N, C-alpha and C. Protein backbone atom coordinates (compact mmCIF):
# COMPACT_ATOMS: atom_id res chain seq x y z
N UNK A 1 15.08 29.50 -2.10
CA UNK A 1 14.48 30.40 -3.55
C UNK A 1 14.35 32.22 -2.79
N UNK A 2 14.64 32.92 -3.59
CA UNK A 2 14.69 34.55 -3.07
C UNK A 2 13.37 34.94 -4.15
N UNK A 3 12.84 35.63 -3.11
CA UNK A 3 11.18 36.55 -4.03
C UNK A 3 11.48 37.72 -2.87
N UNK A 4 10.32 38.34 -3.91
CA UNK A 4 10.49 39.87 -3.65
C UNK A 4 10.83 40.90 -2.15
N UNK A 5 10.12 38.99 -0.85
CA UNK A 5 10.08 39.34 0.27
C UNK A 5 11.56 39.13 0.97
N UNK A 6 12.16 38.50 0.40
CA UNK A 6 12.98 38.05 0.70
C UNK A 6 14.02 38.63 1.39
N UNK A 7 14.79 38.64 2.42
CA UNK A 7 15.90 39.59 3.55
C UNK A 7 16.76 38.57 3.85
N UNK A 8 18.49 39.24 3.12
CA UNK A 8 19.57 38.05 3.46
C UNK A 8 19.75 37.83 5.79
N UNK A 9 20.13 38.83 5.72
CA UNK A 9 19.88 38.82 7.47
C UNK A 9 18.68 38.28 8.27
N UNK A 10 17.44 38.43 7.78
CA UNK A 10 17.00 37.86 8.23
C UNK A 10 16.55 35.78 8.40
N UNK A 11 17.19 35.94 7.04
CA UNK A 11 17.21 34.29 6.20
C UNK A 11 18.17 33.72 7.10
N UNK A 12 19.38 34.75 7.44
CA UNK A 12 20.33 33.90 7.93
C UNK A 12 20.85 33.98 9.44
N UNK A 13 19.76 34.38 10.39
CA UNK A 13 19.58 34.94 11.16
C UNK A 13 18.90 33.50 11.71
N UNK A 14 17.76 32.76 10.98
CA UNK A 14 17.35 31.50 10.71
C UNK A 14 17.75 30.68 10.84
N UNK A 15 18.54 31.05 9.89
CA UNK A 15 19.86 29.63 9.98
C UNK A 15 20.55 29.36 10.85
N UNK A 16 21.19 30.31 11.01
CA UNK A 16 21.64 30.13 13.07
C UNK A 16 20.97 29.91 13.75
N UNK A 17 19.96 29.63 13.81
CA UNK A 17 18.85 29.40 15.10
C UNK A 17 18.83 27.70 15.12
N UNK A 18 18.62 27.58 13.29
CA UNK A 18 19.02 25.63 13.27
C UNK A 18 20.24 25.41 13.23
N UNK A 19 21.41 26.17 13.26
CA UNK A 19 22.37 25.65 12.90
C UNK A 19 22.90 25.58 14.78
N UNK A 20 22.39 26.28 15.25
CA UNK A 20 22.63 26.44 17.38
C UNK A 20 22.19 24.75 17.45
N UNK A 21 20.72 24.14 17.44
CA UNK A 21 20.18 23.09 17.55
C UNK A 21 20.79 22.10 17.70
N UNK A 22 21.06 21.68 18.87
CA UNK A 22 21.55 20.00 19.14
C UNK A 22 23.37 20.60 19.85
N UNK A 23 23.01 22.35 19.54
CA UNK A 23 24.08 22.14 20.78
C UNK A 23 24.42 23.10 21.84
N UNK A 24 22.98 23.06 22.72
CA UNK A 24 22.78 23.39 23.77
C UNK A 24 23.72 23.08 25.10
N UNK A 25 24.32 21.96 24.78
CA UNK A 25 25.26 22.26 26.31
C UNK A 25 26.41 22.55 25.95
N UNK A 26 27.03 22.35 25.20
CA UNK A 26 28.42 22.91 24.96
C UNK A 26 28.73 24.43 24.25
N UNK A 27 27.71 24.62 23.30
CA UNK A 27 27.37 25.28 22.17
C UNK A 27 28.22 25.64 21.10
N UNK A 28 28.35 26.23 20.00
CA UNK A 28 29.46 26.89 19.22
C UNK A 28 30.32 27.72 19.00
N UNK A 29 31.72 27.96 19.26
CA UNK A 29 32.56 28.56 18.70
C UNK A 29 32.17 29.86 18.10
N UNK A 30 32.56 30.98 18.04
CA UNK A 30 31.81 31.50 16.97
C UNK A 30 32.84 31.57 15.54
N UNK A 31 34.12 30.86 15.59
CA UNK A 31 34.78 30.48 14.41
C UNK A 31 34.33 29.59 13.68
N UNK A 32 33.17 28.93 14.25
CA UNK A 32 32.68 27.47 13.72
C UNK A 32 31.38 28.05 13.03
N UNK A 33 30.54 28.93 14.23
CA UNK A 33 29.52 29.61 13.25
C UNK A 33 29.79 30.23 11.71
N UNK A 34 30.87 31.15 12.15
CA UNK A 34 31.12 31.82 11.00
C UNK A 34 31.54 31.00 9.47
N UNK A 35 31.90 29.80 9.58
CA UNK A 35 32.64 29.15 9.13
C UNK A 35 30.58 27.65 8.34
N UNK A 36 30.62 28.13 9.06
CA UNK A 36 29.17 26.98 8.63
C UNK A 36 28.04 27.92 7.91
N UNK A 37 27.95 28.89 8.20
CA UNK A 37 27.14 30.18 8.06
C UNK A 37 27.49 30.30 6.29
N UNK A 38 29.30 30.68 5.98
CA UNK A 38 29.18 30.77 5.39
C UNK A 38 29.08 32.85 5.57
N UNK A 39 29.76 33.31 6.60
CA UNK A 39 29.88 35.25 6.80
C UNK A 39 31.20 35.13 7.66
N UNK A 40 31.05 36.43 7.33
CA UNK A 40 32.32 36.74 8.39
C UNK A 40 31.45 36.92 9.82
N UNK A 41 32.63 36.81 10.85
CA UNK A 41 32.91 36.82 12.10
C UNK A 41 31.80 38.44 12.55
N UNK A 42 32.08 39.11 11.87
CA UNK A 42 31.52 40.27 12.39
C UNK A 42 30.26 40.62 12.74
N UNK A 43 29.90 39.42 11.04
CA UNK A 43 28.07 39.28 11.13
C UNK A 43 27.62 38.24 11.83
N UNK A 44 28.56 37.02 12.21
CA UNK A 44 28.35 36.56 13.37
C UNK A 44 27.99 37.49 14.74
N UNK A 45 28.76 38.25 15.69
CA UNK A 45 29.18 38.97 16.46
C UNK A 45 27.57 39.91 16.39
N UNK A 46 27.29 40.08 14.93
CA UNK A 46 25.94 41.12 15.43
C UNK A 46 24.76 40.57 15.31
N UNK A 47 25.02 38.64 14.44
CA UNK A 47 23.98 38.33 14.45
C UNK A 47 23.23 37.72 15.48
N UNK A 48 24.33 37.25 16.76
CA UNK A 48 24.33 36.87 17.78
C UNK A 48 23.47 37.66 18.74
N UNK A 49 24.15 38.96 18.89
CA UNK A 49 23.54 40.24 19.47
C UNK A 49 21.88 40.28 18.97
N UNK A 50 21.29 39.92 18.03
CA UNK A 50 20.08 40.30 17.58
C UNK A 50 19.15 38.99 18.71
N UNK A 51 19.49 37.85 18.06
CA UNK A 51 19.55 36.53 18.34
C UNK A 51 19.14 36.36 20.33
N UNK A 52 19.66 36.98 21.25
CA UNK A 52 20.58 37.31 22.36
C UNK A 52 19.36 38.51 22.87
N UNK A 53 19.34 39.38 22.53
CA UNK A 53 18.35 40.51 22.58
C UNK A 53 17.04 40.02 22.04
N UNK A 54 16.02 39.03 21.58
CA UNK A 54 15.30 38.46 21.24
C UNK A 54 14.82 37.04 22.26
N UNK A 55 16.25 36.72 22.97
CA UNK A 55 15.45 35.83 24.04
C UNK A 55 16.32 34.66 23.31
N UNK A 56 16.88 34.48 22.40
CA UNK A 56 17.27 33.21 21.31
C UNK A 56 17.98 32.58 21.95
N UNK A 57 19.18 32.94 21.80
CA UNK A 57 20.42 32.11 22.39
C UNK A 57 20.87 33.29 23.33
N UNK A 58 22.36 32.74 24.13
CA UNK A 58 23.19 33.19 25.39
C UNK A 58 24.12 32.20 24.82
N UNK A 59 25.17 33.70 25.51
CA UNK A 59 26.58 32.74 26.00
C UNK A 59 26.78 32.11 26.93
N UNK A 60 27.92 30.98 26.42
CA UNK A 60 28.22 29.59 27.77
C UNK A 60 29.05 30.74 28.86
N UNK A 61 29.11 31.15 29.72
CA UNK A 61 29.76 32.42 30.56
C UNK A 61 31.10 31.38 30.60
N UNK A 62 31.79 30.10 30.74
CA UNK A 62 33.03 30.11 30.33
C UNK A 62 34.19 29.37 29.33
N UNK A 63 33.11 30.05 28.25
CA UNK A 63 33.65 29.53 27.41
C UNK A 63 33.48 30.32 25.78
N UNK A 64 33.47 30.97 26.41
CA UNK A 64 32.32 32.07 25.30
C UNK A 64 30.98 31.48 24.16
N UNK A 65 31.74 30.39 23.66
CA UNK A 65 30.57 30.12 22.66
C UNK A 65 29.31 30.16 23.33
N UNK A 66 28.22 29.68 21.60
CA UNK A 66 27.12 30.19 22.02
C UNK A 66 26.29 28.42 21.76
N UNK A 67 24.86 28.83 22.32
CA UNK A 67 24.33 28.22 22.35
C UNK A 67 22.59 28.90 22.62
N UNK A 68 21.55 28.16 21.79
CA UNK A 68 20.54 28.52 22.10
C UNK A 68 20.15 28.91 23.35
N UNK A 69 18.98 29.61 23.99
CA UNK A 69 18.34 29.67 24.83
C UNK A 69 17.39 29.10 25.25
N UNK A 70 16.54 28.82 26.27
CA UNK A 70 15.71 27.90 27.35
C UNK A 70 14.23 28.19 26.38
N UNK A 71 14.53 29.31 26.34
CA UNK A 71 13.23 29.96 25.26
C UNK A 71 12.53 29.59 23.76
N UNK A 72 13.88 28.29 23.28
CA UNK A 72 13.73 27.86 21.62
C UNK A 72 13.27 26.54 22.53
N UNK A 73 13.96 26.51 22.97
CA UNK A 73 14.03 24.42 23.86
C UNK A 73 12.34 24.43 24.81
N UNK A 74 11.58 25.74 24.75
CA UNK A 74 10.66 25.67 25.94
C UNK A 74 9.68 25.72 24.40
N UNK A 75 9.76 26.55 23.30
CA UNK A 75 9.02 26.47 22.39
C UNK A 75 8.51 25.05 21.50
N UNK A 76 10.00 24.10 21.30
CA UNK A 76 9.79 22.71 21.34
C UNK A 76 8.78 22.35 21.77
N UNK A 77 9.45 22.86 23.65
CA UNK A 77 8.40 21.18 24.63
C UNK A 77 6.65 22.25 24.87
N UNK A 78 6.45 23.32 24.70
CA UNK A 78 5.08 23.94 23.99
C UNK A 78 4.38 23.20 22.92
N UNK A 79 4.86 22.59 22.08
CA UNK A 79 4.24 22.15 20.49
C UNK A 79 4.19 20.89 20.82
N UNK A 80 5.52 20.38 21.51
CA UNK A 80 4.79 18.58 22.02
C UNK A 80 3.85 18.30 22.75
N UNK A 81 3.39 19.16 23.59
CA UNK A 81 2.43 19.59 24.55
C UNK A 81 0.92 19.62 23.71
N UNK A 82 0.74 20.27 22.93
CA UNK A 82 0.14 20.48 22.30
C UNK A 82 -0.17 19.63 21.16
N UNK A 83 0.91 18.93 20.54
CA UNK A 83 0.10 17.72 19.71
C UNK A 83 0.09 16.51 20.78
N UNK A 84 0.81 16.44 21.83
CA UNK A 84 -0.28 15.25 22.72
C UNK A 84 -1.75 15.64 23.28
N UNK A 85 -1.84 16.80 23.29
CA UNK A 85 -3.29 17.15 23.69
C UNK A 85 -4.17 17.23 22.69
N UNK A 86 -3.53 17.11 21.70
CA UNK A 86 -4.85 17.10 20.16
C UNK A 86 -4.54 15.11 19.92
N UNK A 87 -3.68 14.72 19.89
CA UNK A 87 -3.98 13.14 19.81
C UNK A 87 -4.47 12.26 21.09
N UNK A 88 -4.68 13.30 22.17
CA UNK A 88 -5.81 12.63 23.67
C UNK A 88 -7.25 12.95 22.85
N UNK A 89 -6.86 14.46 22.37
CA UNK A 89 -9.01 14.20 22.30
C UNK A 89 -9.17 13.46 21.15
N UNK A 90 -8.11 13.72 20.09
CA UNK A 90 -8.73 12.46 19.01
C UNK A 90 -9.05 10.86 19.08
N UNK A 91 -7.91 10.37 20.54
CA UNK A 91 -8.61 9.17 20.91
C UNK A 91 -9.73 9.29 21.82
N UNK A 92 -10.34 10.60 21.78
CA UNK A 92 -11.36 10.87 23.22
C UNK A 92 -12.89 10.37 22.15
N UNK A 93 -12.77 11.05 20.60
CA UNK A 93 -13.47 11.08 20.00
C UNK A 93 -13.48 9.79 19.23
N UNK A 94 -12.16 8.89 18.89
CA UNK A 94 -12.47 7.57 17.96
C UNK A 94 -13.31 6.90 19.47
N UNK A 95 -12.99 7.23 20.58
CA UNK A 95 -13.82 5.59 22.16
C UNK A 95 -15.08 6.25 21.43
N UNK A 96 -15.39 7.20 21.55
CA UNK A 96 -17.37 8.17 21.34
C UNK A 96 -17.84 7.51 20.30
N UNK A 97 -17.45 7.53 19.21
CA UNK A 97 -17.86 7.38 17.70
C UNK A 97 -17.39 5.99 17.19
N UNK A 98 -16.12 5.45 17.69
CA UNK A 98 -15.55 4.19 17.19
C UNK A 98 -15.56 3.23 18.17
N UNK A 99 -16.27 3.10 19.48
CA UNK A 99 -16.51 1.66 19.76
C UNK A 99 -15.12 1.76 20.83
N UNK A 100 -13.94 2.23 20.50
CA UNK A 100 -12.87 1.38 21.08
C UNK A 100 -12.32 1.18 19.30
N UNK A 101 -12.33 1.60 18.78
CA UNK A 101 -11.52 1.53 17.50
C UNK A 101 -9.71 2.19 17.41
N UNK A 102 -8.79 1.15 17.61
CA UNK A 102 -7.38 1.27 17.60
C UNK A 102 -7.29 2.91 16.61
N UNK A 103 -5.65 2.90 16.83
CA UNK A 103 -5.44 4.63 15.90
C UNK A 103 -5.22 3.10 14.76
N UNK A 104 -4.55 1.74 15.40
CA UNK A 104 -3.55 1.44 14.14
C UNK A 104 -5.08 0.97 12.75
N UNK A 105 -5.99 0.23 13.76
CA UNK A 105 -7.42 -0.26 13.20
C UNK A 105 -8.04 1.25 12.09
N UNK A 106 -8.09 2.25 12.79
CA UNK A 106 -8.62 3.70 12.14
C UNK A 106 -7.84 3.74 10.41
N UNK A 107 -6.28 3.43 11.15
CA UNK A 107 -5.31 4.03 10.43
C UNK A 107 -5.71 3.21 8.27
N UNK A 108 -5.44 1.93 9.18
CA UNK A 108 -6.19 1.25 8.43
C UNK A 108 -6.96 1.61 7.28
N UNK A 109 -8.59 1.96 8.39
CA UNK A 109 -9.74 2.28 7.15
C UNK A 109 -9.95 4.28 6.53
N UNK A 110 -8.24 4.28 7.28
CA UNK A 110 -8.80 5.56 6.26
C UNK A 110 -7.85 4.79 4.76
N UNK A 111 -7.35 4.34 4.95
CA UNK A 111 -6.31 3.22 4.02
C UNK A 111 -7.49 2.71 2.48
N UNK A 112 -8.07 2.25 3.53
CA UNK A 112 -8.98 1.66 2.48
C UNK A 112 -9.45 2.46 1.78
N UNK A 113 -10.09 3.30 2.28
CA UNK A 113 -10.70 4.91 1.44
C UNK A 113 -9.96 5.61 0.27
N UNK A 114 -8.84 5.90 1.24
CA UNK A 114 -7.86 6.92 -0.07
C UNK A 114 -6.94 5.81 -0.84
N UNK A 115 -7.74 4.60 -0.74
CA UNK A 115 -6.82 3.21 -2.10
C UNK A 115 -7.91 3.63 -2.99
N UNK A 116 -7.54 3.13 -4.36
CA UNK A 116 -7.92 3.41 -5.39
C UNK A 116 -8.51 2.07 -5.32
N UNK A 117 -10.07 2.02 -5.63
CA UNK A 117 -11.15 0.80 -5.41
C UNK A 117 -10.91 -0.22 -6.72
N UNK A 118 -10.69 -1.66 -6.78
CA UNK A 118 -10.85 -2.23 -8.00
C UNK A 118 -11.96 -2.25 -8.53
N UNK A 119 -11.47 -2.61 -9.68
CA UNK A 119 -12.74 -2.92 -10.70
C UNK A 119 -13.86 -3.87 -10.72
N UNK A 120 -15.24 -3.32 -10.75
CA UNK A 120 -15.77 -4.82 -10.47
C UNK A 120 -15.85 -5.36 -11.85
N UNK A 121 -14.84 -6.90 -12.21
CA UNK A 121 -14.82 -7.27 -13.05
C UNK A 121 -15.97 -8.71 -13.45
N UNK A 122 -16.74 -8.44 -12.67
CA UNK A 122 -17.87 -9.41 -13.33
C UNK A 122 -18.97 -8.68 -14.51
N UNK A 123 -18.88 -9.65 -14.83
CA UNK A 123 -20.25 -9.59 -16.24
C UNK A 123 -21.00 -9.37 -16.15
N UNK A 124 -21.96 -8.74 -16.68
CA UNK A 124 -23.63 -8.26 -16.40
C UNK A 124 -23.78 -9.91 -18.06
N UNK A 125 -24.92 -10.47 -16.88
CA UNK A 125 -25.35 -12.43 -18.28
C UNK A 125 -26.28 -12.32 -18.27
């Protein structure tokens, strides 16, 4: 989806970062990157240079292939640590207010409140 704020080069680099994910050990060959990105080899060279400068990619010295730099993986690790801390804090709050209510019990309770309640079918007599 294109907006007045879209920038083709920036979007291509972001997509390139996603493309490199999962290739941290062996990396990707420049020709494979160009094919997957649907761009020229010179664009791959330019984009990879920008990712290297930003600390997001590195070249495997032995093969010349490209991979994500440790910094990107460390972002994911920090994200998981933050989620774990948040889950731990939620567990502490549940313990305090729910006297030991488990996550499954709490989720079931939330489903009760979010599900439509059945109508009262008792007739007034």
